[in-house]
């Protein structure tokens, strides 16, 4: 899964089968630290997502909640949902 914010891009992958963890890679070490500050951030082999952190699913869920809380809905344009 890819998540893009105004300040960074995140790539989320399963860390290991049945481990209950995810691997979160990003192009921004600062944003990884902001969302996963208590976890160790390391360099990845990916050129675009140069930094990574392993996170349990609960820590990842908490980081997603923070990301959603930071959404600026005033920048969304109005749209109508038309049913056919």
PDB file of N, CA and C in Angstrom:
ATOM      1  N   UNK A   1       0.849  -1.155   0.000  1.00  0.00           N
ATOM      2  CA  UNK A   1       0.000   0.000   0.000  1.00  0.00           C
ATOM      3  C   UNK A   1       0.903   1.229   0.000  1.00  0.00           C
ATOM      4  N   UNK A   2       0.525   2.236  -0.756  1.00  0.00           N
ATOM      5  CA  UNK A   2       1.261   3.493  -0.798  1.00  0.00           C
ATOM      6  C   UNK A   2       0.389   4.589  -0.197  1.00  0.00           C
ATOM      7  N   UNK A   3       0.972   5.365   0.682  1.00  0.00           N
ATOM      8  CA  UNK A   3       0.301   6.523   1.269  1.00  0.00           C
ATOM      9  C   UNK A   3       1.144   7.737   0.936  1.00  0.00           C
ATOM     10  N   UNK A   4       0.508   8.749   0.374  1.00  0.00           N
ATOM     11  CA  UNK A   4       1.205   9.987   0.054  1.00  0.00           C
ATOM     12  C   UNK A   4       0.641  11.105   0.914  1.00  0.00           C
ATOM     13  N   UNK A   5       1.538  11.857   1.551  1.00  0.00           N
ATOM     14  CA  UNK A   5       1.128  13.034   2.309  1.00  0.00           C
ATOM     15  C   UNK A   5       1.770  14.250   1.652  1.00  0.00           C
ATOM     16  N   UNK A   6       1.518  15.400   2.186  1.00  0.00           N
ATOM     17  CA  UNK A   6       2.107  16.621   1.626  1.00  0.00           C
ATOM     18  C   UNK A   6       3.617  16.653   1.819  1.00  0.00           C
ATOM     19  N   UNK A   7       4.122  15.891   2.783  1.00  0.00           N
ATOM     20  CA  UNK A   7       5.541  15.973   3.099  1.00  0.00           C
ATOM     21  C   UNK A   7       6.330  14.690   2.851  1.00  0.00           C
ATOM     22  N   UNK A   8       5.649  13.576   2.561  1.00  0.00           N
ATOM     23  CA  UNK A   8       6.376  12.318   2.385  1.00  0.00           C
ATOM     24  C   UNK A   8       5.521  11.275   1.673  1.00  0.00           C
ATOM     25  N   UNK A   9       6.196  10.238   1.211  1.00  0.00           N
ATOM     26  CA  UNK A   9       5.534   9.064   0.641  1.00  0.00           C
ATOM     27  C   UNK A   9       5.898   7.866   1.502  1.00  0.00           C
ATOM     28  N   UNK A  10       4.945   6.968   1.680  1.00  0.00           N
ATOM     29  CA  UNK A  10       5.151   5.788   2.506  1.00  0.00           C
ATOM     30  C   UNK A  10       4.756   4.554   1.713  1.00  0.00           C
ATOM     31  N   UNK A  11       5.560   3.514   1.808  1.00  0.00           N
ATOM     32  CA  UNK A  11       5.261   2.215   1.216  1.00  0.00           C
ATOM     33  C   UNK A  11       5.120   1.236   2.368  1.00  0.00           C
ATOM     34  N   UNK A  12       3.947   0.597   2.472  1.00  0.00           N
ATOM     35  CA  UNK A  12       3.684  -0.332   3.562  1.00  0.00           C
ATOM     36  C   UNK A  12       3.623  -1.740   2.994  1.00  0.00           C
ATOM     37  N   UNK A  13       4.427  -2.623   3.575  1.00  0.00           N
ATOM     38  CA  UNK A  13       4.487  -4.011   3.140  1.00  0.00           C
ATOM     39  C   UNK A  13       4.402  -4.926   4.358  1.00  0.00           C
ATOM     40  N   UNK A  14       3.996  -6.173   4.139  1.00  0.00           N
ATOM     41  CA  UNK A  14       4.001  -7.151   5.215  1.00  0.00           C
ATOM     42  C   UNK A  14       5.456  -7.441   5.567  1.00  0.00           C
ATOM     43  N   UNK A  15       5.770  -7.406   6.860  1.00  0.00           N
ATOM     44  CA  UNK A  15       7.150  -7.620   7.286  1.00  0.00           C
ATOM     45  C   UNK A  15       7.558  -9.077   7.127  1.00  0.00           C
ATOM     46  N   UNK A  16       6.884  -9.946   7.768  1.00  0.00           N
ATOM     47  CA  UNK A  16       7.123 -11.382   7.663  1.00  0.00           C
ATOM     48  C   UNK A  16       5.773 -12.066   7.814  1.00  0.00           C
ATOM     49  N   UNK A  17       5.543 -13.119   7.084  1.00  0.00           N
ATOM     50  CA  UNK A  17       4.253 -13.810   7.213  1.00  0.00           C
ATOM     51  C   UNK A  17       3.975 -14.205   8.667  1.00  0.00           C
ATOM     52  N   UNK A  18       2.765 -13.937   9.097  1.00  0.00           N
ATOM     53  CA  UNK A  18       2.283 -14.295  10.439  1.00  0.00           C
ATOM     54  C   UNK A  18       3.041 -13.625  11.581  1.00  0.00           C
ATOM     55  N   UNK A  19       3.732 -12.519  11.320  1.00  0.00           N
ATOM     56  CA  UNK A  19       4.484 -11.865  12.393  1.00  0.00           C
ATOM     57  C   UNK A  19       3.666 -10.792  13.102  1.00  0.00           C
ATOM     58  N   UNK A  20       2.598 -10.338  12.477  1.00  0.00           N
ATOM     59  CA  UNK A  20       1.821  -9.262  13.065  1.00  0.00           C
ATOM     60  C   UNK A  20       2.472  -7.907  12.911  1.00  0.00           C
ATOM     61  N   UNK A  21       3.488  -7.822  12.057  1.00  0.00           N
ATOM     62  CA  UNK A  21       4.207  -6.565  11.850  1.00  0.00           C
ATOM     63  C   UNK A  21       4.138  -6.135  10.392  1.00  0.00           C
ATOM     64  N   UNK A  22       4.379  -4.846  10.178  1.00  0.00           N
ATOM     65  CA  UNK A  22       4.480  -4.318   8.827  1.00  0.00           C
ATOM     66  C   UNK A  22       5.820  -3.602   8.695  1.00  0.00           C
ATOM     67  N   UNK A  23       6.297  -3.511   7.476  1.00  0.00           N
ATOM     68  CA  UNK A  23       7.495  -2.758   7.152  1.00  0.00           C
ATOM     69  C   UNK A  23       7.027  -1.467   6.488  1.00  0.00           C
ATOM     70  N   UNK A  24       7.387  -0.342   7.075  1.00  0.00           N
ATOM     71  CA  UNK A  24       6.991   0.962   6.540  1.00  0.00           C
ATOM     72  C   UNK A  24       8.247   1.632   6.010  1.00  0.00           C
ATOM     73  N   UNK A  25       8.258   1.890   4.707  1.00  0.00           N
ATOM     74  CA  UNK A  25       9.384   2.587   4.077  1.00  0.00           C
ATOM     75  C   UNK A  25       8.927   3.982   3.687  1.00  0.00           C
ATOM     76  N   UNK A  26       9.874   4.914   3.670  1.00  0.00           N
ATOM     77  CA  UNK A  26       9.523   6.292   3.327  1.00  0.00           C
ATOM     78  C   UNK A  26      10.718   6.995   2.690  1.00  0.00           C
ATOM     79  N   UNK A  27      10.401   8.070   1.990  1.00  0.00           N
ATOM     80  CA  UNK A  27      11.445   8.931   1.441  1.00  0.00           C
ATOM     81  C   UNK A  27      11.829  10.024   2.435  1.00  0.00           C
ATOM     82  N   UNK A  28      11.212  10.027   3.625  1.00  0.00           N
ATOM     83  CA  UNK A  28      11.485  11.054   4.622  1.00  0.00           C
ATOM     84  C   UNK A  28      11.764  10.434   5.994  1.00  0.00           C
ATOM     85  N   UNK A  29      12.989  10.548   6.431  1.00  0.00           N
ATOM     86  CA  UNK A  29      13.354  10.049   7.751  1.00  0.00           C
ATOM     87  C   UNK A  29      12.634  10.850   8.837  1.00  0.00           C
ATOM     88  N   UNK A  30      12.481  12.143   8.623  1.00  0.00           N
ATOM     89  CA  UNK A  30      11.832  12.996   9.610  1.00  0.00           C
ATOM     90  C   UNK A  30      10.374  12.592   9.831  1.00  0.00           C
ATOM     91  N   UNK A  31       9.662  12.278   8.747  1.00  0.00           N
ATOM     92  CA  UNK A  31       8.262  11.885   8.887  1.00  0.00           C
ATOM     93  C   UNK A  31       8.128  10.509   9.533  1.00  0.00           C
ATOM     94  N   UNK A  32       9.033   9.591   9.218  1.00  0.00           N
ATOM     95  CA  UNK A  32       9.012   8.300   9.905  1.00  0.00           C
ATOM     96  C   UNK A  32       9.231   8.503  11.398  1.00  0.00           C
ATOM     97  N   UNK A  33      10.157   9.367  11.731  1.00  0.00           N
ATOM     98  CA  UNK A  33      10.429   9.637  13.145  1.00  0.00           C
ATOM     99  C   UNK A  33       9.211  10.284  13.815  1.00  0.00           C
ATOM    100  N   UNK A  34       8.542  11.159  13.110  1.00  0.00           N
ATOM    101  CA  UNK A  34       7.375  11.839  13.676  1.00  0.00           C
ATOM    102  C   UNK A  34       6.239  10.852  13.953  1.00  0.00           C
ATOM    103  N   UNK A  35       6.006   9.913  13.033  1.00  0.00           N
ATOM    104  CA  UNK A  35       4.906   8.968  13.195  1.00  0.00           C
ATOM    105  C   UNK A  35       5.292   7.737  14.004  1.00  0.00           C
ATOM    106  N   UNK A  36       6.570   7.350  13.994  1.00  0.00           N
ATOM    107  CA  UNK A  36       7.023   6.129  14.671  1.00  0.00           C
ATOM    108  C   UNK A  36       8.232   6.443  15.548  1.00  0.00           C
ATOM    109  N   UNK A  37       8.186   7.527  16.296  1.00  0.00           N
ATOM    110  CA  UNK A  37       9.328   8.037  17.042  1.00  0.00           C
ATOM    111  C   UNK A  37       9.997   7.065  17.982  1.00  0.00           C
ATOM    112  N   UNK A  38       9.253   6.121  18.537  1.00  0.00           N
ATOM    113  CA  UNK A  38       9.854   5.206  19.504  1.00  0.00           C
ATOM    114  C   UNK A  38      10.526   4.008  18.844  1.00  0.00           C
ATOM    115  N   UNK A  39      10.392   3.861  17.530  1.00  0.00           N
ATOM    116  CA  UNK A  39      10.954   2.710  16.829  1.00  0.00           C
ATOM    117  C   UNK A  39      12.259   3.080  16.128  1.00  0.00           C
ATOM    118  N   UNK A  40      13.090   2.075  15.897  1.00  0.00           N
ATOM    119  CA  UNK A  40      14.377   2.289  15.230  1.00  0.00           C
ATOM    120  C   UNK A  40      14.181   2.447  13.726  1.00  0.00           C
ATOM    121  N   UNK A  41      14.699   3.520  13.188  1.00  0.00           N
ATOM    122  CA  UNK A  41      14.640   3.782  11.752  1.00  0.00           C
ATOM    123  C   UNK A  41      15.981   3.375  11.149  1.00  0.00           C
ATOM    124  N   UNK A  42      15.910   2.619  10.060  1.00  0.00           N
ATOM    125  CA  UNK A  42      17.143   2.190   9.407  1.00  0.00           C
ATOM    126  C   UNK A  42      17.099   2.535   7.920  1.00  0.00           C
ATOM    127  N   UNK A  43      18.245   2.428   7.276  1.00  0.00           N
ATOM    128  CA  UNK A  43      18.316   2.658   5.839  1.00  0.00           C
ATOM    129  C   UNK A  43      17.808   1.425   5.113  1.00  0.00           C
ATOM    130  N   UNK A  44      17.093   1.645   4.016  1.00  0.00           N
ATOM    131  CA  UNK A  44      16.617   0.520   3.207  1.00  0.00           C
ATOM    132  C   UNK A  44      17.448   0.442   1.923  1.00  0.00           C
ATOM    133  N   UNK A  45      17.259  -0.623   1.183  1.00  0.00           N
ATOM    134  CA  UNK A  45      17.953  -0.793  -0.098  1.00  0.00           C
ATOM    135  C   UNK A  45      17.197  -0.148  -1.250  1.00  0.00           C
ATOM    136  N   UNK A  46      16.035   0.405  -0.959  1.00  0.00           N
ATOM    137  CA  UNK A  46      15.196   1.018  -1.979  1.00  0.00           C
ATOM    138  C   UNK A  46      15.668   2.456  -2.223  1.00  0.00           C
ATOM    139  N   UNK A  47      15.938   2.811  -3.458  1.00  0.00           N
ATOM    140  CA  UNK A  47      16.439   4.157  -3.761  1.00  0.00           C
ATOM    141  C   UNK A  47      15.398   5.239  -3.502  1.00  0.00           C
ATOM    142  N   UNK A  48      14.119   4.943  -3.759  1.00  0.00           N
ATOM    143  CA  UNK A  48      13.088   5.966  -3.587  1.00  0.00           C
ATOM    144  C   UNK A  48      12.604   6.031  -2.139  1.00  0.00           C
ATOM    145  N   UNK A  49      12.460   4.883  -1.497  1.00  0.00           N
ATOM    146  CA  UNK A  49      12.040   4.824  -0.094  1.00  0.00           C
ATOM    147  C   UNK A  49      13.271   4.457   0.734  1.00  0.00           C
ATOM    148  N   UNK A  50      14.101   5.432   1.023  1.00  0.00           N
ATOM    149  CA  UNK A  50      15.434   5.190   1.579  1.00  0.00           C
ATOM    150  C   UNK A  50      15.447   4.821   3.060  1.00  0.00           C
ATOM    151  N   UNK A  51      14.345   5.049   3.764  1.00  0.00           N
ATOM    152  CA  UNK A  51      14.307   4.791   5.201  1.00  0.00           C
ATOM    153  C   UNK A  51      13.182   3.816   5.512  1.00  0.00           C
ATOM    154  N   UNK A  52      13.373   3.018   6.573  1.00  0.00           N
ATOM    155  CA  UNK A  52      12.342   2.038   6.910  1.00  0.00           C
ATOM    156  C   UNK A  52      12.270   1.813   8.406  1.00  0.00           C
ATOM    157  N   UNK A  53      11.106   1.336   8.820  1.00  0.00           N
ATOM    158  CA  UNK A  53      10.869   0.991  10.212  1.00  0.00           C
ATOM    159  C   UNK A  53       9.943  -0.223  10.232  1.00  0.00           C
ATOM    160  N   UNK A  54      10.200  -1.140  11.168  1.00  0.00           N
ATOM    161  CA  UNK A  54       9.309  -2.278  11.372  1.00  0.00           C
ATOM    162  C   UNK A  54       8.372  -1.915  12.509  1.00  0.00           C
ATOM    163  N   UNK A  55       7.094  -2.116  12.281  1.00  0.00           N
ATOM    164  CA  UNK A  55       6.084  -1.689  13.246  1.00  0.00           C
ATOM    165  C   UNK A  55       5.061  -2.792  13.448  1.00  0.00           C
ATOM    166  N   UNK A  56       4.623  -2.970  14.697  1.00  0.00           N
ATOM    167  CA  UNK A  56       3.499  -3.875  14.912  1.00  0.00           C
ATOM    168  C   UNK A  56       2.253  -3.197  14.354  1.00  0.00           C
ATOM    169  N   UNK A  57       1.246  -3.991  14.084  1.00  0.00           N
ATOM    170  CA  UNK A  57       0.048  -3.441  13.442  1.00  0.00           C
ATOM    171  C   UNK A  57      -0.640  -2.397  14.314  1.00  0.00           C
ATOM    172  N   UNK A  58      -0.576  -2.524  15.638  1.00  0.00           N
ATOM    173  CA  UNK A  58      -1.200  -1.524  16.508  1.00  0.00           C
ATOM    174  C   UNK A  58      -0.481  -0.187  16.402  1.00  0.00           C
ATOM    175  N   UNK A  59       0.856  -0.187  16.406  1.00  0.00           N
ATOM    176  CA  UNK A  59       1.605   1.063  16.243  1.00  0.00           C
ATOM    177  C   UNK A  59       1.327   1.688  14.888  1.00  0.00           C
ATOM    178  N   UNK A  60       1.209   0.840  13.856  1.00  0.00           N
ATOM    179  CA  UNK A  60       0.896   1.331  12.522  1.00  0.00           C
ATOM    180  C   UNK A  60      -0.496   1.953  12.495  1.00  0.00           C
ATOM    181  N   UNK A  61      -1.450   1.308  13.147  1.00  0.00           N
ATOM    182  CA  UNK A  61      -2.813   1.852  13.210  1.00  0.00           C
ATOM    183  C   UNK A  61      -2.816   3.211  13.903  1.00  0.00           C
ATOM    184  N   UNK A  62      -2.045   3.354  14.975  1.00  0.00           N
ATOM    185  CA  UNK A  62      -1.952   4.647  15.667  1.00  0.00           C
ATOM    186  C   UNK A  62      -1.364   5.721  14.761  1.00  0.00           C
ATOM    187  N   UNK A  63      -0.349   5.359  13.958  1.00  0.00           N
ATOM    188  CA  UNK A  63       0.249   6.317  13.022  1.00  0.00           C
ATOM    189  C   UNK A  63      -0.764   6.720  11.952  1.00  0.00           C
ATOM    190  N   UNK A  64      -1.562   5.754  11.472  1.00  0.00           N
ATOM    191  CA  UNK A  64      -2.594   6.084  10.476  1.00  0.00           C
ATOM    192  C   UNK A  64      -3.630   7.046  11.043  1.00  0.00           C
ATOM    193  N   UNK A  65      -3.988   6.851  12.298  1.00  0.00           N
ATOM    194  CA  UNK A  65      -4.934   7.765  12.943  1.00  0.00           C
ATOM    195  C   UNK A  65      -4.370   9.179  12.955  1.00  0.00           C
ATOM    196  N   UNK A  66      -3.085   9.324  13.289  1.00  0.00           N
ATOM    197  CA  UNK A  66      -2.455  10.650  13.265  1.00  0.00           C
ATOM    198  C   UNK A  66      -2.478  11.251  11.869  1.00  0.00           C
ATOM    199  N   UNK A  67      -2.192  10.428  10.851  1.00  0.00           N
ATOM    200  CA  UNK A  67      -2.214  10.920   9.468  1.00  0.00           C
ATOM    201  C   UNK A  67      -3.600  11.416   9.086  1.00  0.00           C
ATOM    202  N   UNK A  68      -4.619  10.666   9.432  1.00  0.00           N
ATOM    203  CA  UNK A  68      -5.994  11.052   9.091  1.00  0.00           C
ATOM    204  C   UNK A  68      -6.394  12.332   9.815  1.00  0.00           C
ATOM    205  N   UNK A  69      -5.977  12.485  11.062  1.00  0.00           N
ATOM    206  CA  UNK A  69      -6.296  13.696  11.818  1.00  0.00           C
ATOM    207  C   UNK A  69      -5.676  14.940  11.191  1.00  0.00           C
ATOM    208  N   UNK A  70      -4.593  14.765  10.433  1.00  0.00           N
ATOM    209  CA  UNK A  70      -3.913  15.908   9.824  1.00  0.00           C
ATOM    210  C   UNK A  70      -4.456  16.282   8.452  1.00  0.00           C
ATOM    211  N   UNK A  71      -5.453  15.585   7.961  1.00  0.00           N
ATOM    212  CA  UNK A  71      -6.017  15.904   6.650  1.00  0.00           C
ATOM    213  C   UNK A  71      -6.658  17.282   6.698  1.00  0.00           C
ATOM    214  N   UNK A  72      -6.342  18.099   5.728  1.00  0.00           N
ATOM    215  CA  UNK A  72      -6.931  19.427   5.607  1.00  0.00           C
ATOM    216  C   UNK A  72      -8.095  19.334   4.620  1.00  0.00           C
ATOM    217  N   UNK A  73      -9.294  19.162   5.150  1.00  0.00           N
ATOM    218  CA  UNK A  73     -10.465  18.963   4.300  1.00  0.00           C
ATOM    219  C   UNK A  73     -10.865  20.225   3.545  1.00  0.00           C
ATOM    220  N   UNK A  74     -10.352  21.365   3.949  1.00  0.00           N
ATOM    221  CA  UNK A  74     -10.692  22.606   3.242  1.00  0.00           C
ATOM    222  C   UNK A  74     -10.102  22.626   1.837  1.00  0.00           C
ATOM    223  N   UNK A  75      -9.122  21.773   1.579  1.00  0.00           N
ATOM    224  CA  UNK A  75      -8.514  21.726   0.255  1.00  0.00           C
ATOM    225  C   UNK A  75      -9.233  20.758  -0.681  1.00  0.00           C
ATOM    226  N   UNK A  76     -10.226  20.050  -0.178  1.00  0.00           N
ATOM    227  CA  UNK A  76     -10.992  19.149  -1.032  1.00  0.00           C
ATOM    228  C   UNK A  76     -12.006  19.960  -1.818  1.00  0.00           C
ATOM    229  N   UNK A  77     -12.202  19.604  -3.045  1.00  0.00           N
ATOM    230  CA  UNK A  77     -13.237  20.277  -3.828  1.00  0.00           C
ATOM    231  C   UNK A  77     -14.556  19.550  -3.617  1.00  0.00           C
ATOM    232  N   UNK A  78     -15.631  20.285  -3.726  1.00  0.00           N
ATOM    233  CA  UNK A  78     -16.944  19.663  -3.582  1.00  0.00           C
ATOM    234  C   UNK A  78     -17.225  18.786  -4.780  1.00  0.00           C
ATOM    235  N   UNK A  79     -17.912  17.706  -4.532  1.00  0.00           N
ATOM    236  CA  UNK A  79     -18.311  16.843  -5.624  1.00  0.00           C
ATOM    237  C   UNK A  79     -19.659  16.238  -5.294  1.00  0.00           C
ATOM    238  N   UNK A  80     -20.347  15.879  -6.332  1.00  0.00           N
ATOM    239  CA  UNK A  80     -21.652  15.238  -6.163  1.00  0.00           C
ATOM    240  C   UNK A  80     -21.536  13.798  -6.574  1.00  0.00           C
ATOM    241  N   UNK A  81     -22.197  12.956  -5.857  1.00  0.00           N
ATOM    242  CA  UNK A  81     -22.226  11.553  -6.180  1.00  0.00           C
ATOM    243  C   UNK A  81     -23.528  11.289  -6.914  1.00  0.00           C
ATOM    244  N   UNK A  82     -23.445  10.947  -8.179  1.00  0.00           N
ATOM    245  CA  UNK A  82     -24.627  10.687  -8.974  1.00  0.00           C
ATOM    246  C   UNK A  82     -24.799   9.192  -9.144  1.00  0.00           C
ATOM    247  N   UNK A  83     -25.989   8.755  -8.849  1.00  0.00           N
ATOM    248  CA  UNK A  83     -26.297   7.331  -9.040  1.00  0.00           C
ATOM    249  C   UNK A  83     -26.910   7.177 -10.402  1.00  0.00           C
ATOM    250  N   UNK A  84     -26.508   6.120 -11.098  1.00  0.00           N
ATOM    251  CA  UNK A  84     -27.065   5.903 -12.442  1.00  0.00           C
ATOM    252  C   UNK A  84     -28.283   5.030 -12.417  1.00  0.00           C
TER     253      UNK A  84
END
